[in-house]
Structure formats: structure tokens, C-alpha cells
Amino acid sequence: MEFISKKLDDYCKEHTSAADAVLEELNRETHTSVLNPRMISGNLQGKFLTMLSSMMQPKCILEIGTYTGYSAICLAKGLPVDGVLHTIDVNEELEEMNTRYFKKAGLEHQVVQHIGDASKLIPELKLEIDLAFIDADKKNYPLYFDLLIDKIKPGGWIIADNVLWSGKVIEEIDKGDKATLALLAYNRKVQQDSRVENLLLPLRDGLMICRKKE
């Protein structure tokens, strides 16, 4: 589903600062050699993540869903010199590619990769998180929120991608569509949780942004 016209979307892209050379190269390689390249964040969303991270200056970021590392690089650009981004993905086949691009971006000393099931890894991580970004298997979004919320510092943030799911969240739902049902549950969970304040932003496929109250 196109939430705005292609002409207006193109206009937004034309009036957004260009991605740097490393991100452009990563985008090209993702589209030529990796399955499901539409999963990559892209410059418009990537620039938004960088700006948010730069404003927050988080010392600890946790990303769930590395894919080819585009969003991790965008988020890590906002880290202070002593900040670290931890990123989790179940697909070990992309680890070499991610490592290569983290090094090209000059971020290899600030990014820690974890390979495995996020639902099992998150409880083991002894982190106080300033910013979390969820962009992984949709059926586990509500679980990820529950696992993260107590690890997020007061005043910290959780951002979840794909929460509009190509508009399926407002359509008649097939009971077998577990991804859409999980995203509906996630959006409802965040909206009803008194510990956070939240904004559902219709950028790209939807970003649910929530801030843990202090």
C-alpha cells in the first residue's frame, strides 16, 4: 500500500540529504545479492533513525533484526564515542556482510553482533538500554516489548518498524494471518501501557515510537 502518492514520496526523497557512500554501496549489494531486499530501511527512514539517534545521544542501543546492517549503521551514527550498539539476528549467513560494512562505516568497535533467537538472548543481556529498535519477526513483537521494557532506562525509547504492515492493520483480518494479528496486538499493547507515551508515525511502513516515562 502507498500511504502517499509516488510523486509526493519522490519529492520527499529529493529533499532529504543523500545517504553516504557506504550506505549507498550497502543498499546496492543488498538489492543485487540478498533475498527480500525490500526489507532494507532505505535512505528516508534511515536518515530519520540517524536524526533521532543523534538527538538522543544514546550510550546503549539494542536492535532486534540486523538484516544487512543498514539500520544499525544509521542508528550507530548517533552514538557518542563511548556508546555501543548491540544488534541481534537469527541469520548467521549475513554476519560476514554486516561485519564488512560496519568496518567500512568505521563503526566496528561500536557494534556488537549477536546471532541467535532474540527472545532467548535479550534476557541474558545485562544492558541498560537508551534506545531499542525492533525490526524482526512480526509474531514476536509483543514479546519483544515485554522483554525490553524493564531494560529500557526511564526516558528511553523503543521504536518498532512495519507496524502498519502495508495497511493490513485496518483491513479485515484473516485469522490465520499471524503477523498482522501480532502487529495489531503490539500496537494495542503500546497504546494501553501507562508506562510509555507513544506516537504511531506513518513513515514508510509505519513506525511506533514510544518513550518510557521517567
N, C-alpha and C. Protein backbone atom coordinates (compact mmCIF):
# COMPACT_ATOMS: atom_id res chain seq x y z
N MET A 1 0.84 -1.19 0.00
CA MET A 1 0.00 0.00 0.00
C MET A 1 0.88 1.24 0.00
N GLU A 2 0.54 2.23 -0.87
CA GLU A 2 1.23 3.50 -0.86
C GLU A 2 0.45 4.47 0.02
N PHE A 3 1.09 4.95 1.10
CA PHE A 3 0.40 5.83 2.04
C PHE A 3 0.35 7.26 1.52
N ILE A 4 1.32 7.62 0.67
CA ILE A 4 1.25 8.87 -0.05
C ILE A 4 1.57 8.57 -1.51
N SER A 5 1.26 9.48 -2.40
CA SER A 5 1.48 9.23 -3.83
C SER A 5 2.98 9.07 -4.10
N LYS A 6 3.29 8.37 -5.19
CA LYS A 6 4.69 8.18 -5.56
C LYS A 6 5.36 9.53 -5.83
N LYS A 7 4.61 10.45 -6.45
CA LYS A 7 5.19 11.76 -6.74
C LYS A 7 5.58 12.49 -5.45
N LEU A 8 4.71 12.41 -4.45
CA LEU A 8 4.99 13.08 -3.18
C LEU A 8 6.12 12.37 -2.44
N ASP A 9 6.14 11.04 -2.52
CA ASP A 9 7.21 10.27 -1.90
C ASP A 9 8.55 10.62 -2.55
N ASP A 10 8.55 10.70 -3.88
CA ASP A 10 9.77 11.08 -4.60
C ASP A 10 10.23 12.48 -4.21
N TYR A 11 9.27 13.38 -4.03
CA TYR A 11 9.61 14.75 -3.64
C TYR A 11 10.28 14.75 -2.26
N CYS A 12 9.76 13.94 -1.34
CA CYS A 12 10.37 13.83 -0.01
C CYS A 12 11.80 13.31 -0.11
N LYS A 13 11.99 12.31 -0.95
CA LYS A 13 13.33 11.74 -1.12
C LYS A 13 14.28 12.74 -1.74
N GLU A 14 13.77 13.53 -2.70
CA GLU A 14 14.60 14.53 -3.37
C GLU A 14 15.01 15.65 -2.43
N HIS A 15 14.25 15.84 -1.36
CA HIS A 15 14.54 16.92 -0.42
C HIS A 15 15.01 16.37 0.94
N THR A 16 15.65 15.21 0.88
CA THR A 16 16.29 14.59 2.04
C THR A 16 17.77 14.41 1.72
N SER A 17 18.64 14.73 2.66
CA SER A 17 20.08 14.59 2.43
C SER A 17 20.40 13.18 1.95
N ALA A 18 21.30 13.09 1.01
CA ALA A 18 21.67 11.80 0.41
C ALA A 18 22.38 10.91 1.43
N ALA A 19 22.24 9.60 1.23
CA ALA A 19 22.98 8.65 2.06
C ALA A 19 24.46 8.74 1.73
N ASP A 20 25.29 8.38 2.68
CA ASP A 20 26.73 8.41 2.41
C ASP A 20 27.12 7.24 1.51
N ALA A 21 28.38 7.23 1.08
CA ALA A 21 28.84 6.24 0.10
C ALA A 21 28.73 4.81 0.61
N VAL A 22 29.00 4.60 1.89
CA VAL A 22 28.93 3.24 2.45
C VAL A 22 27.50 2.72 2.43
N LEU A 23 26.55 3.55 2.83
CA LEU A 23 25.14 3.13 2.83
C LEU A 23 24.64 2.91 1.40
N GLU A 24 25.09 3.73 0.47
CA GLU A 24 24.71 3.54 -0.94
C GLU A 24 25.23 2.20 -1.45
N GLU A 25 26.47 1.89 -1.12
CA GLU A 25 27.06 0.62 -1.54
C GLU A 25 26.32 -0.56 -0.90
N LEU A 26 26.02 -0.44 0.38
CA LEU A 26 25.28 -1.49 1.08
C LEU A 26 23.89 -1.68 0.47
N ASN A 27 23.24 -0.60 0.14
CA ASN A 27 21.92 -0.69 -0.50
C ASN A 27 22.00 -1.43 -1.82
N ARG A 28 23.01 -1.10 -2.62
CA ARG A 28 23.17 -1.77 -3.93
C ARG A 28 23.45 -3.26 -3.76
N GLU A 29 24.35 -3.60 -2.84
CA GLU A 29 24.68 -5.02 -2.66
C GLU A 29 23.49 -5.79 -2.11
N THR A 30 22.74 -5.19 -1.21
CA THR A 30 21.54 -5.84 -0.68
C THR A 30 20.56 -6.16 -1.80
N HIS A 31 20.37 -5.21 -2.71
CA HIS A 31 19.40 -5.40 -3.79
C HIS A 31 19.89 -6.37 -4.86
N THR A 32 21.19 -6.56 -4.97
CA THR A 32 21.70 -7.45 -6.02
C THR A 32 22.02 -8.86 -5.52
N SER A 33 22.18 -9.04 -4.20
CA SER A 33 22.67 -10.35 -3.75
C SER A 33 21.97 -10.94 -2.53
N VAL A 34 20.96 -10.25 -1.99
CA VAL A 34 20.30 -10.75 -0.78
C VAL A 34 18.80 -10.90 -1.03
N LEU A 35 18.22 -11.95 -0.47
CA LEU A 35 16.78 -12.16 -0.61
C LEU A 35 15.99 -11.06 0.11
N ASN A 36 14.82 -10.76 -0.43
CA ASN A 36 13.90 -9.78 0.16
C ASN A 36 14.54 -8.41 0.41
N PRO A 37 15.14 -7.80 -0.61
CA PRO A 37 15.82 -6.52 -0.41
C PRO A 37 14.90 -5.39 0.03
N ARG A 38 13.59 -5.55 -0.16
CA ARG A 38 12.67 -4.50 0.29
C ARG A 38 12.66 -4.35 1.81
N MET A 39 13.27 -5.31 2.51
CA MET A 39 13.35 -5.24 3.97
C MET A 39 14.33 -4.17 4.44
N ILE A 40 15.21 -3.70 3.56
CA ILE A 40 16.19 -2.69 3.96
C ILE A 40 15.48 -1.38 4.28
N SER A 41 16.00 -0.64 5.24
CA SER A 41 15.34 0.59 5.67
C SER A 41 15.29 1.64 4.57
N GLY A 42 16.38 1.83 3.84
CA GLY A 42 16.41 2.86 2.81
C GLY A 42 16.73 4.23 3.39
N ASN A 43 17.03 5.18 2.50
CA ASN A 43 17.58 6.45 2.95
C ASN A 43 16.59 7.30 3.75
N LEU A 44 15.32 7.34 3.34
CA LEU A 44 14.36 8.20 4.03
C LEU A 44 14.20 7.78 5.49
N GLN A 45 13.92 6.50 5.70
CA GLN A 45 13.79 6.01 7.07
C GLN A 45 15.13 5.99 7.78
N GLY A 46 16.17 5.62 7.05
CA GLY A 46 17.50 5.58 7.64
C GLY A 46 17.94 6.94 8.15
N LYS A 47 17.67 7.98 7.37
CA LYS A 47 18.03 9.33 7.79
C LYS A 47 17.23 9.74 9.04
N PHE A 48 15.96 9.31 9.09
CA PHE A 48 15.12 9.60 10.26
C PHE A 48 15.71 8.93 11.50
N LEU A 49 16.13 7.67 11.37
CA LEU A 49 16.71 6.96 12.51
C LEU A 49 18.01 7.64 12.97
N THR A 50 18.82 8.07 12.01
CA THR A 50 20.06 8.77 12.37
C THR A 50 19.78 10.06 13.12
N MET A 51 18.80 10.81 12.63
CA MET A 51 18.47 12.08 13.30
C MET A 51 17.95 11.84 14.71
N LEU A 52 17.07 10.84 14.88
CA LEU A 52 16.57 10.52 16.22
C LEU A 52 17.71 10.13 17.15
N SER A 53 18.57 9.24 16.66
CA SER A 53 19.68 8.78 17.48
C SER A 53 20.63 9.93 17.82
N SER A 54 20.87 10.79 16.85
CA SER A 54 21.77 11.93 17.08
C SER A 54 21.20 12.89 18.12
N MET A 55 19.87 13.06 18.12
CA MET A 55 19.24 13.92 19.12
C MET A 55 19.28 13.28 20.50
N MET A 56 19.09 11.96 20.56
CA MET A 56 19.05 11.25 21.84
C MET A 56 20.44 11.04 22.45
N GLN A 57 21.46 10.89 21.57
CA GLN A 57 22.82 10.59 22.02
C GLN A 57 22.83 9.37 22.96
N PRO A 58 22.26 8.24 22.51
CA PRO A 58 22.19 7.07 23.38
C PRO A 58 23.55 6.42 23.58
N LYS A 59 23.81 5.95 24.79
CA LYS A 59 25.06 5.23 25.05
C LYS A 59 24.90 3.74 24.78
N CYS A 60 23.65 3.27 24.81
CA CYS A 60 23.40 1.85 24.55
C CYS A 60 22.16 1.70 23.68
N ILE A 61 22.35 1.13 22.50
CA ILE A 61 21.25 0.84 21.58
C ILE A 61 21.15 -0.68 21.44
N LEU A 62 19.93 -1.20 21.44
CA LEU A 62 19.71 -2.61 21.12
C LEU A 62 18.80 -2.68 19.91
N GLU A 63 19.27 -3.34 18.86
CA GLU A 63 18.48 -3.55 17.65
C GLU A 63 18.11 -5.03 17.55
N ILE A 64 16.85 -5.29 17.28
CA ILE A 64 16.40 -6.66 17.05
C ILE A 64 16.06 -6.79 15.57
N GLY A 65 16.90 -7.50 14.85
CA GLY A 65 16.74 -7.65 13.41
C GLY A 65 17.81 -6.86 12.66
N THR A 66 18.97 -7.47 12.45
CA THR A 66 20.08 -6.78 11.80
C THR A 66 19.90 -6.70 10.29
N TYR A 67 19.42 -7.79 9.70
CA TYR A 67 19.34 -7.96 8.24
C TYR A 67 20.73 -7.67 7.64
N THR A 68 20.88 -6.69 6.75
CA THR A 68 22.20 -6.44 6.18
C THR A 68 22.93 -5.28 6.85
N GLY A 69 22.39 -4.75 7.93
CA GLY A 69 23.12 -3.78 8.73
C GLY A 69 22.85 -2.32 8.43
N TYR A 70 21.93 -2.03 7.51
CA TYR A 70 21.68 -0.63 7.12
C TYR A 70 21.16 0.19 8.29
N SER A 71 20.11 -0.30 8.94
CA SER A 71 19.53 0.47 10.05
C SER A 71 20.50 0.55 11.23
N ALA A 72 21.30 -0.50 11.43
CA ALA A 72 22.28 -0.47 12.52
C ALA A 72 23.28 0.66 12.30
N ILE A 73 23.76 0.79 11.07
CA ILE A 73 24.70 1.87 10.76
C ILE A 73 24.05 3.23 10.97
N CYS A 74 22.81 3.36 10.50
CA CYS A 74 22.09 4.63 10.66
C CYS A 74 21.93 5.00 12.14
N LEU A 75 21.56 4.04 12.96
CA LEU A 75 21.38 4.29 14.38
C LEU A 75 22.71 4.57 15.07
N ALA A 76 23.74 3.81 14.69
CA ALA A 76 25.05 3.94 15.35
C ALA A 76 25.70 5.29 15.06
N LYS A 77 25.28 5.96 14.00
CA LYS A 77 25.82 7.28 13.69
C LYS A 77 25.52 8.29 14.81
N GLY A 78 24.50 8.02 15.61
CA GLY A 78 24.14 8.92 16.70
C GLY A 78 24.79 8.58 18.03
N LEU A 79 25.60 7.54 18.06
CA LEU A 79 26.26 7.15 19.32
C LEU A 79 27.35 8.14 19.70
N PRO A 80 27.50 8.44 20.98
CA PRO A 80 28.70 9.16 21.42
C PRO A 80 29.91 8.23 21.30
N VAL A 81 31.10 8.75 21.50
CA VAL A 81 32.31 7.96 21.27
C VAL A 81 32.37 6.72 22.17
N ASP A 82 31.74 6.78 23.34
CA ASP A 82 31.77 5.64 24.25
C ASP A 82 30.48 4.82 24.19
N GLY A 83 29.67 5.06 23.16
CA GLY A 83 28.42 4.33 23.01
C GLY A 83 28.58 3.03 22.24
N VAL A 84 27.63 2.10 22.46
CA VAL A 84 27.68 0.79 21.81
C VAL A 84 26.29 0.42 21.30
N LEU A 85 26.25 -0.16 20.11
CA LEU A 85 25.01 -0.72 19.56
C LEU A 85 25.13 -2.24 19.54
N HIS A 86 24.18 -2.91 20.18
CA HIS A 86 24.08 -4.37 20.11
C HIS A 86 22.98 -4.70 19.12
N THR A 87 23.27 -5.63 18.21
CA THR A 87 22.27 -5.99 17.21
C THR A 87 22.14 -7.51 17.14
N ILE A 88 20.89 -7.97 17.07
CA ILE A 88 20.59 -9.40 17.12
C ILE A 88 19.93 -9.84 15.81
N ASP A 89 20.40 -10.95 15.28
CA ASP A 89 19.72 -11.55 14.12
C ASP A 89 19.89 -13.06 14.17
N VAL A 90 18.88 -13.75 13.67
CA VAL A 90 18.91 -15.21 13.68
C VAL A 90 19.69 -15.77 12.50
N ASN A 91 19.93 -14.93 11.47
CA ASN A 91 20.54 -15.40 10.22
C ASN A 91 22.05 -15.20 10.25
N GLU A 92 22.78 -16.27 10.53
CA GLU A 92 24.24 -16.18 10.61
C GLU A 92 24.89 -15.99 9.24
N GLU A 93 24.15 -16.28 8.17
CA GLU A 93 24.72 -16.17 6.83
C GLU A 93 25.05 -14.72 6.44
N LEU A 94 24.40 -13.76 7.10
CA LEU A 94 24.64 -12.36 6.77
C LEU A 94 25.68 -11.70 7.68
N GLU A 95 26.22 -12.45 8.63
CA GLU A 95 27.15 -11.87 9.60
C GLU A 95 28.40 -11.32 8.93
N GLU A 96 28.95 -12.04 7.97
CA GLU A 96 30.17 -11.58 7.30
C GLU A 96 29.93 -10.28 6.56
N MET A 97 28.79 -10.19 5.86
CA MET A 97 28.45 -8.96 5.13
C MET A 97 28.27 -7.80 6.10
N ASN A 98 27.58 -8.04 7.19
CA ASN A 98 27.37 -6.98 8.18
C ASN A 98 28.69 -6.48 8.74
N THR A 99 29.55 -7.42 9.12
CA THR A 99 30.85 -7.07 9.68
C THR A 99 31.66 -6.22 8.71
N ARG A 100 31.61 -6.60 7.44
CA ARG A 100 32.34 -5.87 6.40
C ARG A 100 31.86 -4.42 6.30
N TYR A 101 30.55 -4.22 6.36
CA TYR A 101 30.03 -2.86 6.22
C TYR A 101 30.15 -2.05 7.50
N PHE A 102 30.09 -2.70 8.66
CA PHE A 102 30.34 -1.97 9.90
C PHE A 102 31.78 -1.43 9.90
N LYS A 103 32.70 -2.23 9.36
CA LYS A 103 34.10 -1.79 9.28
C LYS A 103 34.23 -0.65 8.27
N LYS A 104 33.59 -0.76 7.12
CA LYS A 104 33.64 0.30 6.12
C LYS A 104 33.09 1.62 6.67
N ALA A 105 32.09 1.51 7.55
CA ALA A 105 31.47 2.70 8.13
C ALA A 105 32.28 3.23 9.32
N GLY A 106 33.35 2.54 9.69
CA GLY A 106 34.18 2.95 10.82
C GLY A 106 33.51 2.72 12.16
N LEU A 107 32.61 1.73 12.21
CA LEU A 107 31.82 1.50 13.42
C LEU A 107 32.10 0.14 14.06
N GLU A 108 33.13 -0.56 13.57
CA GLU A 108 33.34 -1.93 14.03
C GLU A 108 33.58 -2.03 15.53
N HIS A 109 34.11 -0.96 16.14
CA HIS A 109 34.40 -1.00 17.58
C HIS A 109 33.19 -0.58 18.42
N GLN A 110 32.12 -0.16 17.76
CA GLN A 110 30.93 0.29 18.50
C GLN A 110 29.72 -0.60 18.23
N VAL A 111 29.89 -1.63 17.42
CA VAL A 111 28.77 -2.53 17.10
C VAL A 111 29.12 -3.94 17.56
N VAL A 112 28.22 -4.53 18.33
CA VAL A 112 28.37 -5.91 18.79
C VAL A 112 27.26 -6.74 18.16
N GLN A 113 27.63 -7.77 17.40
CA GLN A 113 26.64 -8.62 16.76
C GLN A 113 26.35 -9.85 17.61
N HIS A 114 25.06 -10.20 17.69
CA HIS A 114 24.62 -11.40 18.39
C HIS A 114 23.83 -12.24 17.40
N ILE A 115 24.18 -13.51 17.26
CA ILE A 115 23.47 -14.40 16.36
C ILE A 115 22.66 -15.39 17.19
N GLY A 116 21.35 -15.42 16.92
CA GLY A 116 20.50 -16.36 17.64
C GLY A 116 19.09 -15.86 17.80
N ASP A 117 18.32 -16.54 18.61
CA ASP A 117 16.92 -16.24 18.87
C ASP A 117 16.84 -15.06 19.85
N ALA A 118 16.31 -13.94 19.39
CA ALA A 118 16.26 -12.74 20.22
C ALA A 118 15.49 -12.96 21.51
N SER A 119 14.43 -13.77 21.46
CA SER A 119 13.62 -13.99 22.65
C SER A 119 14.41 -14.69 23.76
N LYS A 120 15.46 -15.42 23.38
CA LYS A 120 16.31 -16.09 24.35
C LYS A 120 17.53 -15.25 24.72
N LEU A 121 18.00 -14.45 23.77
CA LEU A 121 19.21 -13.66 24.00
C LEU A 121 18.94 -12.41 24.84
N ILE A 122 17.80 -11.76 24.62
CA ILE A 122 17.52 -10.49 25.31
C ILE A 122 17.57 -10.65 26.84
N PRO A 123 16.94 -11.69 27.42
CA PRO A 123 17.00 -11.82 28.89
C PRO A 123 18.42 -12.00 29.42
N GLU A 124 19.33 -12.50 28.57
CA GLU A 124 20.70 -12.75 29.02
C GLU A 124 21.58 -11.50 28.94
N LEU A 125 21.15 -10.50 28.21
CA LEU A 125 21.96 -9.30 28.03
C LEU A 125 21.83 -8.39 29.26
N LYS A 126 22.94 -8.10 29.88
CA LYS A 126 22.96 -7.23 31.06
C LYS A 126 23.18 -5.79 30.58
N LEU A 127 22.12 -5.20 30.06
CA LEU A 127 22.23 -3.87 29.46
C LEU A 127 21.20 -2.92 30.07
N GLU A 128 21.59 -1.66 30.16
CA GLU A 128 20.65 -0.58 30.44
C GLU A 128 20.50 0.18 29.13
N ILE A 129 19.34 0.03 28.49
CA ILE A 129 19.17 0.45 27.11
C ILE A 129 18.55 1.85 27.03
N ASP A 130 19.17 2.70 26.22
CA ASP A 130 18.63 4.03 25.97
C ASP A 130 17.65 4.02 24.79
N LEU A 131 17.92 3.17 23.81
CA LEU A 131 17.13 3.14 22.57
C LEU A 131 17.10 1.72 22.04
N ALA A 132 15.90 1.21 21.77
CA ALA A 132 15.74 -0.11 21.15
C ALA A 132 15.00 0.05 19.83
N PHE A 133 15.40 -0.73 18.85
CA PHE A 133 14.76 -0.71 17.53
C PHE A 133 14.35 -2.14 17.19
N ILE A 134 13.05 -2.35 16.99
CA ILE A 134 12.52 -3.68 16.68
C ILE A 134 12.17 -3.75 15.19
N ASP A 135 12.82 -4.66 14.49
CA ASP A 135 12.53 -4.85 13.06
C ASP A 135 12.86 -6.30 12.71
N ALA A 136 12.10 -7.21 13.31
CA ALA A 136 12.38 -8.63 13.14
C ALA A 136 11.07 -9.38 12.89
N ASP A 137 11.01 -10.64 13.30
CA ASP A 137 9.81 -11.45 13.08
C ASP A 137 8.61 -10.83 13.78
N LYS A 138 7.57 -10.57 13.00
CA LYS A 138 6.44 -9.76 13.50
C LYS A 138 5.67 -10.47 14.61
N LYS A 139 5.60 -11.79 14.55
CA LYS A 139 4.77 -12.51 15.53
C LYS A 139 5.28 -12.35 16.95
N ASN A 140 6.54 -11.97 17.09
CA ASN A 140 7.12 -11.83 18.43
C ASN A 140 7.21 -10.38 18.91
N TYR A 141 6.66 -9.44 18.17
CA TYR A 141 6.73 -8.04 18.60
C TYR A 141 6.21 -7.81 20.02
N PRO A 142 5.01 -8.35 20.36
CA PRO A 142 4.53 -8.13 21.73
C PRO A 142 5.48 -8.70 22.79
N LEU A 143 6.07 -9.87 22.49
CA LEU A 143 7.03 -10.48 23.42
C LEU A 143 8.27 -9.61 23.55
N TYR A 144 8.76 -9.09 22.44
CA TYR A 144 9.95 -8.23 22.50
C TYR A 144 9.70 -7.00 23.37
N PHE A 145 8.51 -6.41 23.24
CA PHE A 145 8.19 -5.26 24.08
C PHE A 145 8.27 -5.64 25.56
N ASP A 146 7.69 -6.77 25.91
CA ASP A 146 7.69 -7.22 27.31
C ASP A 146 9.11 -7.48 27.80
N LEU A 147 9.95 -8.03 26.94
CA LEU A 147 11.33 -8.32 27.33
C LEU A 147 12.18 -7.05 27.44
N LEU A 148 11.83 -6.04 26.67
CA LEU A 148 12.62 -4.81 26.64
C LEU A 148 12.26 -3.80 27.70
N ILE A 149 10.99 -3.69 28.02
CA ILE A 149 10.51 -2.53 28.78
C ILE A 149 11.23 -2.33 30.10
N ASP A 150 11.58 -3.39 30.80
CA ASP A 150 12.28 -3.24 32.08
C ASP A 150 13.77 -2.97 31.90
N LYS A 151 14.30 -3.22 30.71
CA LYS A 151 15.71 -2.94 30.42
C LYS A 151 15.90 -1.52 29.88
N ILE A 152 14.81 -0.89 29.47
CA ILE A 152 14.89 0.47 28.95
C ILE A 152 15.00 1.45 30.12
N LYS A 153 15.96 2.36 30.04
CA LYS A 153 16.10 3.37 31.09
C LYS A 153 14.88 4.30 31.10
N PRO A 154 14.52 4.85 32.25
CA PRO A 154 13.49 5.89 32.27
C PRO A 154 13.89 7.02 31.31
N GLY A 155 12.96 7.43 30.46
CA GLY A 155 13.27 8.42 29.44
C GLY A 155 13.81 7.80 28.17
N GLY A 156 13.99 6.48 28.16
CA GLY A 156 14.49 5.78 26.97
C GLY A 156 13.38 5.48 25.98
N TRP A 157 13.79 4.95 24.82
CA TRP A 157 12.87 4.82 23.68
C TRP A 157 12.85 3.42 23.11
N ILE A 158 11.66 3.03 22.61
CA ILE A 158 11.50 1.82 21.80
C ILE A 158 10.86 2.23 20.48
N ILE A 159 11.49 1.86 19.37
CA ILE A 159 10.94 2.14 18.04
C ILE A 159 10.70 0.80 17.36
N ALA A 160 9.51 0.60 16.84
CA ALA A 160 9.16 -0.64 16.14
C ALA A 160 8.77 -0.33 14.69
N ASP A 161 9.36 -1.06 13.76
CA ASP A 161 9.12 -0.85 12.33
C ASP A 161 7.98 -1.76 11.85
N ASN A 162 7.41 -1.38 10.71
CA ASN A 162 6.39 -2.18 9.99
C ASN A 162 5.08 -2.33 10.75
N VAL A 163 4.75 -1.38 11.60
CA VAL A 163 3.54 -1.53 12.42
C VAL A 163 2.25 -1.23 11.65
N LEU A 164 2.34 -0.74 10.42
CA LEU A 164 1.14 -0.58 9.59
C LEU A 164 0.99 -1.74 8.61
N TRP A 165 2.08 -2.46 8.37
CA TRP A 165 2.06 -3.73 7.63
C TRP A 165 1.30 -3.59 6.30
N SER A 166 1.74 -2.62 5.50
CA SER A 166 1.14 -2.34 4.19
C SER A 166 -0.37 -2.07 4.28
N GLY A 167 -0.80 -1.52 5.39
CA GLY A 167 -2.21 -1.17 5.57
C GLY A 167 -3.09 -2.30 6.06
N LYS A 168 -2.52 -3.48 6.26
CA LYS A 168 -3.33 -4.63 6.67
C LYS A 168 -3.95 -4.45 8.06
N VAL A 169 -3.37 -3.56 8.87
CA VAL A 169 -3.87 -3.37 10.24
C VAL A 169 -5.26 -2.73 10.27
N ILE A 170 -5.71 -2.16 9.15
CA ILE A 170 -7.06 -1.58 9.13
C ILE A 170 -7.98 -2.33 8.18
N GLU A 171 -7.54 -3.48 7.69
CA GLU A 171 -8.36 -4.30 6.80
C GLU A 171 -8.97 -5.46 7.58
N GLU A 172 -9.92 -6.14 6.94
CA GLU A 172 -10.48 -7.35 7.56
C GLU A 172 -9.39 -8.39 7.66
N ILE A 173 -9.24 -8.97 8.84
CA ILE A 173 -8.10 -9.84 9.12
C ILE A 173 -8.47 -11.31 8.99
N ASP A 174 -7.65 -12.03 8.26
CA ASP A 174 -7.75 -13.48 8.21
C ASP A 174 -7.19 -14.03 9.52
N LYS A 175 -7.94 -14.88 10.20
CA LYS A 175 -7.50 -15.41 11.50
C LYS A 175 -6.19 -16.18 11.41
N GLY A 176 -5.83 -16.59 10.20
CA GLY A 176 -4.57 -17.30 10.02
C GLY A 176 -3.39 -16.38 9.76
N ASP A 177 -3.66 -15.09 9.66
CA ASP A 177 -2.60 -14.10 9.38
C ASP A 177 -1.94 -13.70 10.70
N LYS A 178 -1.01 -14.52 11.16
CA LYS A 178 -0.42 -14.33 12.48
C LYS A 178 0.41 -13.05 12.58
N ALA A 179 1.05 -12.66 11.47
CA ALA A 179 1.88 -11.46 11.51
C ALA A 179 1.02 -10.22 11.75
N THR A 180 -0.07 -10.09 11.00
CA THR A 180 -0.94 -8.93 11.18
C THR A 180 -1.57 -8.93 12.56
N LEU A 181 -2.02 -10.08 13.02
CA LEU A 181 -2.62 -10.16 14.36
C LEU A 181 -1.62 -9.76 15.44
N ALA A 182 -0.37 -10.16 15.27
CA ALA A 182 0.66 -9.81 16.24
C ALA A 182 0.94 -8.31 16.24
N LEU A 183 0.94 -7.70 15.05
CA LEU A 183 1.18 -6.26 14.98
C LEU A 183 0.01 -5.47 15.57
N LEU A 184 -1.20 -5.95 15.35
CA LEU A 184 -2.36 -5.33 15.99
C LEU A 184 -2.23 -5.41 17.51
N ALA A 185 -1.80 -6.57 17.99
CA ALA A 185 -1.62 -6.77 19.44
C ALA A 185 -0.52 -5.86 19.97
N TYR A 186 0.54 -5.70 19.19
CA TYR A 186 1.65 -4.84 19.61
C TYR A 186 1.19 -3.38 19.72
N ASN A 187 0.54 -2.91 18.67
CA ASN A 187 0.08 -1.51 18.68
C ASN A 187 -0.88 -1.26 19.85
N ARG A 188 -1.76 -2.23 20.10
CA ARG A 188 -2.71 -2.11 21.20
C ARG A 188 -1.99 -2.14 22.55
N LYS A 189 -1.00 -3.01 22.68
CA LYS A 189 -0.23 -3.12 23.92
C LYS A 189 0.46 -1.80 24.25
N VAL A 190 1.12 -1.21 23.25
CA VAL A 190 1.82 0.05 23.48
C VAL A 190 0.84 1.16 23.84
N GLN A 191 -0.28 1.22 23.09
CA GLN A 191 -1.27 2.27 23.32
C GLN A 191 -1.85 2.20 24.73
N GLN A 192 -1.98 1.01 25.26
CA GLN A 192 -2.63 0.82 26.56
C GLN A 192 -1.66 0.80 27.74
N ASP A 193 -0.37 0.83 27.47
CA ASP A 193 0.62 0.73 28.55
C ASP A 193 0.88 2.11 29.16
N SER A 194 0.54 2.28 30.41
CA SER A 194 0.66 3.58 31.08
C SER A 194 2.11 3.96 31.37
N ARG A 195 3.04 3.03 31.15
CA ARG A 195 4.45 3.33 31.41
C ARG A 195 5.09 4.12 30.28
N VAL A 196 4.40 4.21 29.13
CA VAL A 196 5.00 4.87 27.98
C VAL A 196 4.06 5.92 27.39
N GLU A 197 4.65 6.85 26.64
CA GLU A 197 3.88 7.73 25.77
C GLU A 197 4.32 7.41 24.35
N ASN A 198 3.40 7.47 23.39
CA ASN A 198 3.72 6.90 22.09
C ASN A 198 3.16 7.71 20.93
N LEU A 199 3.79 7.48 19.78
CA LEU A 199 3.39 8.11 18.51
C LEU A 199 3.51 7.06 17.42
N LEU A 200 2.42 6.83 16.68
CA LEU A 200 2.48 5.95 15.52
C LEU A 200 2.66 6.85 14.31
N LEU A 201 3.82 6.75 13.69
CA LEU A 201 4.19 7.63 12.59
C LEU A 201 4.07 6.89 11.27
N PRO A 202 3.27 7.40 10.30
CA PRO A 202 3.10 6.72 9.02
C PRO A 202 4.26 6.97 8.05
N LEU A 203 5.47 6.70 8.50
CA LEU A 203 6.65 6.80 7.66
C LEU A 203 6.97 5.43 7.10
N ARG A 204 7.08 5.36 5.79
CA ARG A 204 7.32 4.09 5.09
C ARG A 204 6.24 3.09 5.48
N ASP A 205 6.56 2.02 6.22
CA ASP A 205 5.55 1.02 6.58
C ASP A 205 5.07 1.18 8.02
N GLY A 206 5.32 2.36 8.59
CA GLY A 206 4.83 2.65 9.94
C GLY A 206 5.87 2.43 11.01
N LEU A 207 6.10 3.45 11.83
CA LEU A 207 7.00 3.35 12.98
C LEU A 207 6.21 3.67 14.24
N MET A 208 6.18 2.75 15.19
CA MET A 208 5.62 3.02 16.50
C MET A 208 6.78 3.48 17.39
N ILE A 209 6.70 4.73 17.83
CA ILE A 209 7.74 5.32 18.66
C ILE A 209 7.18 5.50 20.06
N CYS A 210 7.83 4.93 21.04
CA CYS A 210 7.34 5.14 22.41
C CYS A 210 8.49 5.48 23.34
N ARG A 211 8.19 6.31 24.30
CA ARG A 211 9.17 6.78 25.28
C ARG A 211 8.73 6.32 26.66
N LYS A 212 9.64 5.68 27.37
CA LYS A 212 9.34 5.23 28.74
C LYS A 212 9.32 6.45 29.66
N LYS A 213 8.26 6.59 30.40
CA LYS A 213 8.11 7.76 31.28
C LYS A 213 9.14 7.72 32.40
N GLU A 214 9.55 8.89 32.83
CA GLU A 214 10.55 8.99 33.91
C GLU A 214 9.86 9.01 35.27
